[in-house]
Amino acid sequence: MFIVIYEFEIRPGTEPEFRQAWLEVTQAIYQHCGSFGSRLHTSEQANMLVGYAQWPSRAQWEKDHQLAEPPYQAARNTMRRCLIQSRVVHKLEVCDDYLQPGPALTR
């Protein structure tokens, strides 16, 4: 599994708009590009969001995914309008995995 971590510095006051557009873009990438989905996180830094995306492989992530559907393009444009800057922080290969879908039950 391949993981990509992004930082999104957004313009003040645009978080709700950015988050909705991010969700629409992420859903399209999941449905059409072979990702495992993504999570978006708030951070301790104002106007900084962190995204965590999972892919089956680096090769799948690096493919040229051209999505021309108008709703996808509109959401991408909304994200761009909200951004001050974005960057890939880390590209990671999973070497060990013990992430669980929920907490262990205590007895």
PDB file of N, CA and C in Angstrom:
ATOM      1  N   MET A   1       0.844  -1.175   0.000  1.00  0.00           N
ATOM      2  CA  MET A   1       0.000   0.000   0.000  1.00  0.00           C
ATOM      3  C   MET A   1       0.887   1.234   0.000  1.00  0.00           C
ATOM      4  N   PHE A   2       0.428   2.267  -0.691  1.00  0.00           N
ATOM      5  CA  PHE A   2       1.162   3.518  -0.827  1.00  0.00           C
ATOM      6  C   PHE A   2       0.330   4.640  -0.215  1.00  0.00           C
ATOM      7  N   ILE A   3       0.972   5.483   0.554  1.00  0.00           N
ATOM      8  CA  ILE A   3       0.305   6.576   1.264  1.00  0.00           C
ATOM      9  C   ILE A   3       0.925   7.901   0.825  1.00  0.00           C
ATOM     10  N   VAL A   4       0.076   8.903   0.635  1.00  0.00           N
ATOM     11  CA  VAL A   4       0.541  10.248   0.325  1.00  0.00           C
ATOM     12  C   VAL A   4      -0.079  11.195   1.351  1.00  0.00           C
ATOM     13  N   ILE A   5       0.763  12.046   1.926  1.00  0.00           N
ATOM     14  CA  ILE A   5       0.290  13.022   2.901  1.00  0.00           C
ATOM     15  C   ILE A   5       0.469  14.419   2.298  1.00  0.00           C
ATOM     16  N   TYR A   6      -0.623  15.181   2.315  1.00  0.00           N
ATOM     17  CA  TYR A   6      -0.660  16.524   1.725  1.00  0.00           C
ATOM     18  C   TYR A   6      -0.906  17.570   2.815  1.00  0.00           C
ATOM     19  N   GLU A   7      -0.390  18.751   2.600  1.00  0.00           N
ATOM     20  CA  GLU A   7      -0.763  19.919   3.398  1.00  0.00           C
ATOM     21  C   GLU A   7      -1.490  20.896   2.488  1.00  0.00           C
ATOM     22  N   PHE A   8      -2.592  21.423   2.999  1.00  0.00           N
ATOM     23  CA  PHE A   8      -3.371  22.411   2.276  1.00  0.00           C
ATOM     24  C   PHE A   8      -3.453  23.676   3.134  1.00  0.00           C
ATOM     25  N   GLU A   9      -2.800  24.727   2.703  1.00  0.00           N
ATOM     26  CA  GLU A   9      -2.953  26.015   3.374  1.00  0.00           C
ATOM     27  C   GLU A   9      -4.070  26.754   2.653  1.00  0.00           C
ATOM     28  N   ILE A  10      -5.150  27.032   3.384  1.00  0.00           N
ATOM     29  CA  ILE A  10      -6.321  27.617   2.754  1.00  0.00           C
ATOM     30  C   ILE A  10      -6.522  29.065   3.194  1.00  0.00           C
ATOM     31  N   ARG A  11      -7.217  29.795   2.350  1.00  0.00           N
ATOM     32  CA  ARG A  11      -7.517  31.199   2.657  1.00  0.00           C
ATOM     33  C   ARG A  11      -8.457  31.262   3.858  1.00  0.00           C
ATOM     34  N   PRO A  12      -8.240  32.212   4.766  1.00  0.00           N
ATOM     35  CA  PRO A  12      -9.126  32.353   5.923  1.00  0.00           C
ATOM     36  C   PRO A  12     -10.589  32.447   5.487  1.00  0.00           C
ATOM     37  N   GLY A  13     -11.447  31.742   6.206  1.00  0.00           N
ATOM     38  CA  GLY A  13     -12.875  31.781   5.936  1.00  0.00           C
ATOM     39  C   GLY A  13     -13.365  30.828   4.862  1.00  0.00           C
ATOM     40  N   THR A  14     -12.473  30.039   4.259  1.00  0.00           N
ATOM     41  CA  THR A  14     -12.882  29.154   3.163  1.00  0.00           C
ATOM     42  C   THR A  14     -12.960  27.682   3.560  1.00  0.00           C
ATOM     43  N   GLU A  15     -12.775  27.366   4.847  1.00  0.00           N
ATOM     44  CA  GLU A  15     -12.715  25.952   5.225  1.00  0.00           C
ATOM     45  C   GLU A  15     -13.958  25.153   4.830  1.00  0.00           C
ATOM     46  N   PRO A  16     -15.183  25.624   5.107  1.00  0.00           N
ATOM     47  CA  PRO A  16     -16.344  24.816   4.714  1.00  0.00           C
ATOM     48  C   PRO A  16     -16.397  24.565   3.193  1.00  0.00           C
ATOM     49  N   GLU A  17     -16.135  25.576   2.426  1.00  0.00           N
ATOM     50  CA  GLU A  17     -16.145  25.460   0.967  1.00  0.00           C
ATOM     51  C   GLU A  17     -15.052  24.501   0.488  1.00  0.00           C
ATOM     52  N   PHE A  18     -13.856  24.640   1.051  1.00  0.00           N
ATOM     53  CA  PHE A  18     -12.750  23.752   0.674  1.00  0.00           C
ATOM     54  C   PHE A  18     -13.082  22.307   1.025  1.00  0.00           C
ATOM     55  N   ARG A  19     -13.582  22.081   2.227  1.00  0.00           N
ATOM     56  CA  ARG A  19     -13.864  20.713   2.672  1.00  0.00           C
ATOM     57  C   ARG A  19     -14.916  20.034   1.794  1.00  0.00           C
ATOM     58  N   GLN A  20     -15.950  20.769   1.387  1.00  0.00           N
ATOM     59  CA  GLN A  20     -16.965  20.189   0.505  1.00  0.00           C
ATOM     60  C   GLN A  20     -16.355  19.849  -0.856  1.00  0.00           C
ATOM     61  N   ALA A  21     -15.565  20.752  -1.407  1.00  0.00           N
ATOM     62  CA  ALA A  21     -14.922  20.498  -2.698  1.00  0.00           C
ATOM     63  C   ALA A  21     -13.939  19.337  -2.584  1.00  0.00           C
ATOM     64  N   TRP A  22     -13.168  19.290  -1.496  1.00  0.00           N
ATOM     65  CA  TRP A  22     -12.232  18.182  -1.275  1.00  0.00           C
ATOM     66  C   TRP A  22     -12.975  16.854  -1.280  1.00  0.00           C
ATOM     67  N   LEU A  23     -14.133  16.790  -0.607  1.00  0.00           N
ATOM     68  CA  LEU A  23     -14.912  15.563  -0.558  1.00  0.00           C
ATOM     69  C   LEU A  23     -15.349  15.138  -1.965  1.00  0.00           C
ATOM     70  N   GLU A  24     -15.831  16.070  -2.757  1.00  0.00           N
ATOM     71  CA  GLU A  24     -16.278  15.752  -4.113  1.00  0.00           C
ATOM     72  C   GLU A  24     -15.118  15.270  -4.983  1.00  0.00           C
ATOM     73  N   VAL A  25     -13.972  15.918  -4.875  1.00  0.00           N
ATOM     74  CA  VAL A  25     -12.786  15.503  -5.634  1.00  0.00           C
ATOM     75  C   VAL A  25     -12.343  14.118  -5.181  1.00  0.00           C
ATOM     76  N   THR A  26     -12.289  13.910  -3.882  1.00  0.00           N
ATOM     77  CA  THR A  26     -11.848  12.625  -3.337  1.00  0.00           C
ATOM     78  C   THR A  26     -12.780  11.492  -3.753  1.00  0.00           C
ATOM     79  N   GLN A  27     -14.078  11.741  -3.731  1.00  0.00           N
ATOM     80  CA  GLN A  27     -15.030  10.717  -4.154  1.00  0.00           C
ATOM     81  C   GLN A  27     -14.823  10.350  -5.626  1.00  0.00           C
ATOM     82  N   ALA A  28     -14.586  11.332  -6.474  1.00  0.00           N
ATOM     83  CA  ALA A  28     -14.356  11.062  -7.898  1.00  0.00           C
ATOM     84  C   ALA A  28     -13.064  10.272  -8.101  1.00  0.00           C
ATOM     85  N   ILE A  29     -12.028  10.634  -7.377  1.00  0.00           N
ATOM     86  CA  ILE A  29     -10.754   9.911  -7.493  1.00  0.00           C
ATOM     87  C   ILE A  29     -10.934   8.462  -7.030  1.00  0.00           C
ATOM     88  N   TYR A  30     -11.667   8.266  -5.954  1.00  0.00           N
ATOM     89  CA  TYR A  30     -11.949   6.914  -5.471  1.00  0.00           C
ATOM     90  C   TYR A  30     -12.724   6.109  -6.512  1.00  0.00           C
ATOM     91  N   GLN A  31     -13.746   6.717  -7.077  1.00  0.00           N
ATOM     92  CA  GLN A  31     -14.617   6.007  -8.008  1.00  0.00           C
ATOM     93  C   GLN A  31     -13.962   5.725  -9.360  1.00  0.00           C
ATOM     94  N   HIS A  32     -13.066   6.603  -9.816  1.00  0.00           N
ATOM     95  CA  HIS A  32     -12.560   6.499 -11.185  1.00  0.00           C
ATOM     96  C   HIS A  32     -11.062   6.246 -11.322  1.00  0.00           C
ATOM     97  N   CYS A  33     -10.303   6.371 -10.236  1.00  0.00           N
ATOM     98  CA  CYS A  33      -8.840   6.315 -10.374  1.00  0.00           C
ATOM     99  C   CYS A  33      -8.182   5.186  -9.587  1.00  0.00           C
ATOM    100  N   GLY A  34      -8.950   4.435  -8.828  1.00  0.00           N
ATOM    101  CA  GLY A  34      -8.383   3.284  -8.139  1.00  0.00           C
ATOM    102  C   GLY A  34      -7.749   3.554  -6.795  1.00  0.00           C
ATOM    103  N   SER A  35      -8.081   4.684  -6.175  1.00  0.00           N
ATOM    104  CA  SER A  35      -7.545   4.931  -4.827  1.00  0.00           C
ATOM    105  C   SER A  35      -8.363   4.154  -3.801  1.00  0.00           C
ATOM    106  N   PHE A  36      -7.863   4.101  -2.582  1.00  0.00           N
ATOM    107  CA  PHE A  36      -8.608   3.519  -1.470  1.00  0.00           C
ATOM    108  C   PHE A  36      -9.343   4.597  -0.677  1.00  0.00           C
ATOM    109  N   GLY A  37      -9.267   5.833  -1.127  1.00  0.00           N
ATOM    110  CA  GLY A  37      -9.913   6.937  -0.436  1.00  0.00           C
ATOM    111  C   GLY A  37      -8.910   7.783   0.322  1.00  0.00           C
ATOM    112  N   SER A  38      -9.438   8.707   1.098  1.00  0.00           N
ATOM    113  CA  SER A  38      -8.587   9.679   1.767  1.00  0.00           C
ATOM    114  C   SER A  38      -9.281  10.183   3.023  1.00  0.00           C
ATOM    115  N   ARG A  39      -8.493  10.793   3.883  1.00  0.00           N
ATOM    116  CA  ARG A  39      -9.002  11.478   5.066  1.00  0.00           C
ATOM    117  C   ARG A  39      -8.439  12.885   5.063  1.00  0.00           C
ATOM    118  N   LEU A  40      -9.265  13.818   5.535  1.00  0.00           N
ATOM    119  CA  LEU A  40      -8.813  15.198   5.688  1.00  0.00           C
ATOM    120  C   LEU A  40      -8.846  15.525   7.170  1.00  0.00           C
ATOM    121  N   HIS A  41      -7.787  16.166   7.653  1.00  0.00           N
ATOM    122  CA  HIS A  41      -7.644  16.463   9.074  1.00  0.00           C
ATOM    123  C   HIS A  41      -7.443  17.960   9.285  1.00  0.00           C
ATOM    124  N   THR A  42      -8.012  18.473  10.367  1.00  0.00           N
ATOM    125  CA  THR A  42      -7.643  19.807  10.813  1.00  0.00           C
ATOM    126  C   THR A  42      -6.305  19.677  11.534  1.00  0.00           C
ATOM    127  N   SER A  43      -5.632  20.777  11.681  1.00  0.00           N
ATOM    128  CA  SER A  43      -4.356  20.758  12.394  1.00  0.00           C
ATOM    129  C   SER A  43      -4.356  21.860  13.443  1.00  0.00           C
ATOM    130  N   GLU A  44      -3.294  21.894  14.218  1.00  0.00           N
ATOM    131  CA  GLU A  44      -3.176  22.930  15.242  1.00  0.00           C
ATOM    132  C   GLU A  44      -2.857  24.293  14.634  1.00  0.00           C
ATOM    133  N   GLN A  45      -2.420  24.302  13.393  1.00  0.00           N
ATOM    134  CA  GLN A  45      -2.085  25.555  12.709  1.00  0.00           C
ATOM    135  C   GLN A  45      -3.339  26.083  12.014  1.00  0.00           C
ATOM    136  N   ALA A  46      -3.665  27.333  12.238  1.00  0.00           N
ATOM    137  CA  ALA A  46      -4.850  27.933  11.623  1.00  0.00           C
ATOM    138  C   ALA A  46      -4.762  27.852  10.101  1.00  0.00           C
ATOM    139  N   ASN A  47      -5.895  27.518   9.487  1.00  0.00           N
ATOM    140  CA  ASN A  47      -6.015  27.472   8.026  1.00  0.00           C
ATOM    141  C   ASN A  47      -5.098  26.456   7.364  1.00  0.00           C
ATOM    142  N   MET A  48      -4.699  25.430   8.107  1.00  0.00           N
ATOM    143  CA  MET A  48      -3.871  24.355   7.548  1.00  0.00           C
ATOM    144  C   MET A  48      -4.610  23.035   7.738  1.00  0.00           C
ATOM    145  N   LEU A  49      -4.918  22.376   6.636  1.00  0.00           N
ATOM    146  CA  LEU A  49      -5.539  21.060   6.657  1.00  0.00           C
ATOM    147  C   LEU A  49      -4.528  20.048   6.138  1.00  0.00           C
ATOM    148  N   VAL A  50      -4.637  18.816   6.620  1.00  0.00           N
ATOM    149  CA  VAL A  50      -3.716  17.758   6.225  1.00  0.00           C
ATOM    150  C   VAL A  50      -4.541  16.610   5.650  1.00  0.00           C
ATOM    151  N   GLY A  51      -4.160  16.163   4.461  1.00  0.00           N
ATOM    152  CA  GLY A  51      -4.842  15.052   3.808  1.00  0.00           C
ATOM    153  C   GLY A  51      -3.963  13.818   3.795  1.00  0.00           C
ATOM    154  N   TYR A  52      -4.612  12.673   3.956  1.00  0.00           N
ATOM    155  CA  TYR A  52      -3.948  11.376   3.979  1.00  0.00           C
ATOM    156  C   TYR A  52      -4.667  10.512   2.956  1.00  0.00           C
ATOM    157  N   ALA A  53      -3.988  10.143   1.868  1.00  0.00           N
ATOM    158  CA  ALA A  53      -4.611   9.340   0.808  1.00  0.00           C
ATOM    159  C   ALA A  53      -3.937   7.981   0.707  1.00  0.00           C
ATOM    160  N   GLN A  54      -4.739   6.937   0.514  1.00  0.00           N
ATOM    161  CA  GLN A  54      -4.219   5.579   0.373  1.00  0.00           C
ATOM    162  C   GLN A  54      -4.439   5.104  -1.061  1.00  0.00           C
ATOM    163  N   TRP A  55      -3.408   4.438  -1.575  1.00  0.00           N
ATOM    164  CA  TRP A  55      -3.440   3.872  -2.915  1.00  0.00           C
ATOM    165  C   TRP A  55      -2.921   2.446  -2.851  1.00  0.00           C
ATOM    166  N   PRO A  56      -3.340   1.593  -3.777  1.00  0.00           N
ATOM    167  CA  PRO A  56      -2.819   0.226  -3.763  1.00  0.00           C
ATOM    168  C   PRO A  56      -1.323   0.171  -4.063  1.00  0.00           C
ATOM    169  N   SER A  57      -0.815   1.160  -4.809  1.00  0.00           N
ATOM    170  CA  SER A  57       0.606   1.174  -5.170  1.00  0.00           C
ATOM    171  C   SER A  57       1.011   2.574  -5.607  1.00  0.00           C
ATOM    172  N   ARG A  58       2.305   2.820  -5.581  1.00  0.00           N
ATOM    173  CA  ARG A  58       2.834   4.090  -6.093  1.00  0.00           C
ATOM    174  C   ARG A  58       2.490   4.228  -7.579  1.00  0.00           C
ATOM    175  N   ALA A  59       2.607   3.126  -8.328  1.00  0.00           N
ATOM    176  CA  ALA A  59       2.316   3.159  -9.767  1.00  0.00           C
ATOM    177  C   ALA A  59       0.876   3.612 -10.028  1.00  0.00           C
ATOM    178  N   GLN A  60      -0.072   3.142  -9.220  1.00  0.00           N
ATOM    179  CA  GLN A  60      -1.468   3.557  -9.396  1.00  0.00           C
ATOM    180  C   GLN A  60      -1.626   5.044  -9.108  1.00  0.00           C
ATOM    181  N   TRP A  61      -0.960   5.545  -8.081  1.00  0.00           N
ATOM    182  CA  TRP A  61      -1.013   6.972  -7.743  1.00  0.00           C
ATOM    183  C   TRP A  61      -0.382   7.822  -8.843  1.00  0.00           C
ATOM    184  N   GLU A  62       0.702   7.342  -9.447  1.00  0.00           N
ATOM    185  CA  GLU A  62       1.430   8.119 -10.453  1.00  0.00           C
ATOM    186  C   GLU A  62       0.776   8.120 -11.829  1.00  0.00           C
ATOM    187  N   LYS A  63      -0.201   7.243 -12.068  1.00  0.00           N
ATOM    188  CA  LYS A  63      -0.869   7.227 -13.369  1.00  0.00           C
ATOM    189  C   LYS A  63      -1.456   8.592 -13.680  1.00  0.00           C
ATOM    190  N   ASP A  64      -1.542   8.900 -14.962  1.00  0.00           N
ATOM    191  CA  ASP A  64      -2.135  10.161 -15.404  1.00  0.00           C
ATOM    192  C   ASP A  64      -3.658  10.009 -15.389  1.00  0.00           C
ATOM    193  N   HIS A  65      -4.277  10.431 -14.305  1.00  0.00           N
ATOM    194  CA  HIS A  65      -5.724  10.297 -14.138  1.00  0.00           C
ATOM    195  C   HIS A  65      -6.396  11.562 -14.664  1.00  0.00           C
ATOM    196  N   GLN A  66      -6.936  11.484 -15.844  1.00  0.00           N
ATOM    197  CA  GLN A  66      -7.624  12.621 -16.457  1.00  0.00           C
ATOM    198  C   GLN A  66      -9.123  12.484 -16.250  1.00  0.00           C
ATOM    199  N   LEU A  67      -9.685  13.297 -15.390  1.00  0.00           N
ATOM    200  CA  LEU A  67     -11.123  13.298 -15.158  1.00  0.00           C
ATOM    201  C   LEU A  67     -11.689  14.589 -15.736  1.00  0.00           C
ATOM    202  N   ALA A  68     -12.543  14.457 -16.721  1.00  0.00           N
ATOM    203  CA  ALA A  68     -13.065  15.629 -17.422  1.00  0.00           C
ATOM    204  C   ALA A  68     -14.500  15.969 -17.033  1.00  0.00           C
ATOM    205  N   GLU A  69     -15.115  15.180 -16.171  1.00  0.00           N
ATOM    206  CA  GLU A  69     -16.500  15.420 -15.803  1.00  0.00           C
ATOM    207  C   GLU A  69     -16.647  16.817 -15.195  1.00  0.00           C
ATOM    208  N   PRO A  70     -17.676  17.572 -15.632  1.00  0.00           N
ATOM    209  CA  PRO A  70     -17.867  18.943 -15.121  1.00  0.00           C
ATOM    210  C   PRO A  70     -17.961  19.048 -13.601  1.00  0.00           C
ATOM    211  N   PRO A  71     -18.672  18.135 -12.884  1.00  0.00           N
ATOM    212  CA  PRO A  71     -18.710  18.283 -11.416  1.00  0.00           C
ATOM    213  C   PRO A  71     -17.325  18.153 -10.774  1.00  0.00           C
ATOM    214  N   TYR A  72     -16.507  17.243 -11.291  1.00  0.00           N
ATOM    215  CA  TYR A  72     -15.143  17.085 -10.777  1.00  0.00           C
ATOM    216  C   TYR A  72     -14.330  18.351 -11.039  1.00  0.00           C
ATOM    217  N   GLN A  73     -14.393  18.857 -12.255  1.00  0.00           N
ATOM    218  CA  GLN A  73     -13.629  20.056 -12.603  1.00  0.00           C
ATOM    219  C   GLN A  73     -14.077  21.261 -11.772  1.00  0.00           C
ATOM    220  N   ALA A  74     -15.378  21.387 -11.544  1.00  0.00           N
ATOM    221  CA  ALA A  74     -15.886  22.493 -10.721  1.00  0.00           C
ATOM    222  C   ALA A  74     -15.360  22.387  -9.294  1.00  0.00           C
ATOM    223  N   ALA A  75     -15.366  21.180  -8.732  1.00  0.00           N
ATOM    224  CA  ALA A  75     -14.856  20.990  -7.368  1.00  0.00           C
ATOM    225  C   ALA A  75     -13.360  21.273  -7.312  1.00  0.00           C
ATOM    226  N   ARG A  76     -12.601  20.831  -8.309  1.00  0.00           N
ATOM    227  CA  ARG A  76     -11.154  21.120  -8.355  1.00  0.00           C
ATOM    228  C   ARG A  76     -10.917  22.634  -8.401  1.00  0.00           C
ATOM    229  N   ASN A  77     -11.691  23.325  -9.203  1.00  0.00           N
ATOM    230  CA  ASN A  77     -11.542  24.784  -9.295  1.00  0.00           C
ATOM    231  C   ASN A  77     -11.884  25.462  -7.977  1.00  0.00           C
ATOM    232  N   THR A  78     -12.890  24.959  -7.275  1.00  0.00           N
ATOM    233  CA  THR A  78     -13.227  25.513  -5.959  1.00  0.00           C
ATOM    234  C   THR A  78     -12.072  25.303  -4.996  1.00  0.00           C
ATOM    235  N   MET A  79     -11.501  24.101  -4.986  1.00  0.00           N
ATOM    236  CA  MET A  79     -10.342  23.857  -4.121  1.00  0.00           C
ATOM    237  C   MET A  79      -9.223  24.847  -4.430  1.00  0.00           C
ATOM    238  N   ARG A  80      -8.935  25.028  -5.705  1.00  0.00           N
ATOM    239  CA  ARG A  80      -7.850  25.947  -6.109  1.00  0.00           C
ATOM    240  C   ARG A  80      -8.116  27.376  -5.638  1.00  0.00           C
ATOM    241  N   ARG A  81      -9.384  27.814  -5.741  1.00  0.00           N
ATOM    242  CA  ARG A  81      -9.725  29.179  -5.302  1.00  0.00           C
ATOM    243  C   ARG A  81      -9.508  29.345  -3.796  1.00  0.00           C
ATOM    244  N   CYS A  82      -9.727  28.288  -3.044  1.00  0.00           N
ATOM    245  CA  CYS A  82      -9.592  28.345  -1.581  1.00  0.00           C
ATOM    246  C   CYS A  82      -8.137  28.245  -1.123  1.00  0.00           C
ATOM    247  N   LEU A  83      -7.275  27.726  -1.965  1.00  0.00           N
ATOM    248  CA  LEU A  83      -5.895  27.447  -1.559  1.00  0.00           C
ATOM    249  C   LEU A  83      -4.991  28.664  -1.616  1.00  0.00           C
ATOM    250  N   ILE A  84      -4.124  28.760  -0.626  1.00  0.00           N
ATOM    251  CA  ILE A  84      -2.953  29.625  -0.702  1.00  0.00           C
ATOM    252  C   ILE A  84      -1.823  28.809  -1.324  1.00  0.00           C
ATOM    253  N   GLN A  85      -1.674  27.572  -0.803  1.00  0.00           N
ATOM    254  CA  GLN A  85      -0.700  26.645  -1.379  1.00  0.00           C
ATOM    255  C   GLN A  85      -1.020  25.234  -0.904  1.00  0.00           C
ATOM    256  N   SER A  86      -0.525  24.269  -1.655  1.00  0.00           N
ATOM    257  CA  SER A  86      -0.610  22.876  -1.232  1.00  0.00           C
ATOM    258  C   SER A  86       0.698  22.200  -1.581  1.00  0.00           C
ATOM    259  N   ARG A  87       0.973  21.133  -0.848  1.00  0.00           N
ATOM    260  CA  ARG A  87       2.203  20.405  -1.142  1.00  0.00           C
ATOM    261  C   ARG A  87       2.087  18.973  -0.646  1.00  0.00           C
ATOM    262  N   VAL A  88       2.846  18.108  -1.306  1.00  0.00           N
ATOM    263  CA  VAL A  88       2.988  16.735  -0.842  1.00  0.00           C
ATOM    264  C   VAL A  88       4.057  16.750   0.242  1.00  0.00           C
ATOM    265  N   VAL A  89       3.710  16.301   1.419  1.00  0.00           N
ATOM    266  CA  VAL A  89       4.627  16.303   2.555  1.00  0.00           C
ATOM    267  C   VAL A  89       5.422  15.002   2.603  1.00  0.00           C
ATOM    268  N   HIS A  90       4.727  13.875   2.371  1.00  0.00           N
ATOM    269  CA  HIS A  90       5.382  12.569   2.415  1.00  0.00           C
ATOM    270  C   HIS A  90       4.772  11.642   1.383  1.00  0.00           C
ATOM    271  N   LYS A  91       5.619  10.781   0.836  1.00  0.00           N
ATOM    272  CA  LYS A  91       5.205   9.646   0.010  1.00  0.00           C
ATOM    273  C   LYS A  91       5.729   8.422   0.742  1.00  0.00           C
ATOM    274  N   LEU A  92       4.819   7.548   1.167  1.00  0.00           N
ATOM    275  CA  LEU A  92       5.183   6.474   2.087  1.00  0.00           C
ATOM    276  C   LEU A  92       4.750   5.108   1.573  1.00  0.00           C
ATOM    277  N   GLU A  93       5.603   4.124   1.730  1.00  0.00           N
ATOM    278  CA  GLU A  93       5.253   2.731   1.486  1.00  0.00           C
ATOM    279  C   GLU A  93       4.971   2.090   2.848  1.00  0.00           C
ATOM    280  N   VAL A  94       3.857   1.390   2.965  1.00  0.00           N
ATOM    281  CA  VAL A  94       3.534   0.698   4.212  1.00  0.00           C
ATOM    282  C   VAL A  94       4.481  -0.494   4.349  1.00  0.00           C
ATOM    283  N   CYS A  95       5.154  -0.578   5.479  1.00  0.00           N
ATOM    284  CA  CYS A  95       6.040  -1.726   5.717  1.00  0.00           C
ATOM    285  C   CYS A  95       5.456  -2.662   6.768  1.00  0.00           C
ATOM    286  N   ASP A  96       4.705  -2.147   7.719  1.00  0.00           N
ATOM    287  CA  ASP A  96       4.021  -2.938   8.731  1.00  0.00           C
ATOM    288  C   ASP A  96       2.672  -2.284   8.967  1.00  0.00           C
ATOM    289  N   ASP A  97       1.656  -3.082   9.224  1.00  0.00           N
ATOM    290  CA  ASP A  97       0.315  -2.525   9.329  1.00  0.00           C
ATOM    291  C   ASP A  97      -0.459  -3.216  10.448  1.00  0.00           C
ATOM    292  N   TYR A  98      -0.877  -2.452  11.431  1.00  0.00           N
ATOM    293  CA  TYR A  98      -1.755  -2.958  12.462  1.00  0.00           C
ATOM    294  C   TYR A  98      -2.868  -1.948  12.746  1.00  0.00           C
ATOM    295  N   LEU A  99      -3.251  -1.178  11.749  1.00  0.00           N
ATOM    296  CA  LEU A  99      -4.363  -0.250  11.883  1.00  0.00           C
ATOM    297  C   LEU A  99      -5.651  -1.062  11.882  1.00  0.00           C
ATOM    298  N   GLN A 100      -6.518  -0.824  12.862  1.00  0.00           N
ATOM    299  CA  GLN A 100      -7.743  -1.589  13.036  1.00  0.00           C
ATOM    300  C   GLN A 100      -8.956  -0.707  12.766  1.00  0.00           C
ATOM    301  N   PRO A 101     -10.082  -1.311  12.405  1.00  0.00           N
ATOM    302  CA  PRO A 101     -11.276  -0.521  12.105  1.00  0.00           C
ATOM    303  C   PRO A 101     -11.947   0.073  13.346  1.00  0.00           C
ATOM    304  N   GLY A 102     -11.572  -0.389  14.520  1.00  0.00           N
ATOM    305  CA  GLY A 102     -12.157   0.125  15.757  1.00  0.00           C
ATOM    306  C   GLY A 102     -11.332  -0.328  16.937  1.00  0.00           C
ATOM    307  N   PRO A 103     -11.677   0.164  18.132  1.00  0.00           N
ATOM    308  CA  PRO A 103     -10.905  -0.216  19.317  1.00  0.00           C
ATOM    309  C   PRO A 103     -11.156  -1.667  19.700  1.00  0.00           C
ATOM    310  N   ALA A 104     -10.187  -2.254  20.378  1.00  0.00           N
ATOM    311  CA  ALA A 104     -10.352  -3.615  20.912  1.00  0.00           C
ATOM    312  C   ALA A 104     -11.385  -3.557  22.029  1.00  0.00           C
ATOM    313  N   LEU A 105     -12.175  -4.584  22.136  1.00  0.00           N
ATOM    314  CA  LEU A 105     -13.153  -4.631  23.214  1.00  0.00           C
ATOM    315  C   LEU A 105     -12.456  -4.995  24.505  1.00  0.00           C
ATOM    316  N   THR A 106     -12.777  -4.290  25.560  1.00  0.00           N
ATOM    317  CA  THR A 106     -12.198  -4.629  26.862  1.00  0.00           C
ATOM    318  C   THR A 106     -13.180  -5.529  27.591  1.00  0.00           C
ATOM    319  N   ARG A 107     -12.648  -6.435  28.353  1.00  0.00           N
ATOM    320  CA  ARG A 107     -13.521  -7.388  29.074  1.00  0.00           C
ATOM    321  C   ARG A 107     -13.521  -7.091  30.540  1.00  0.00           C
TER     322      ARG A 107
END
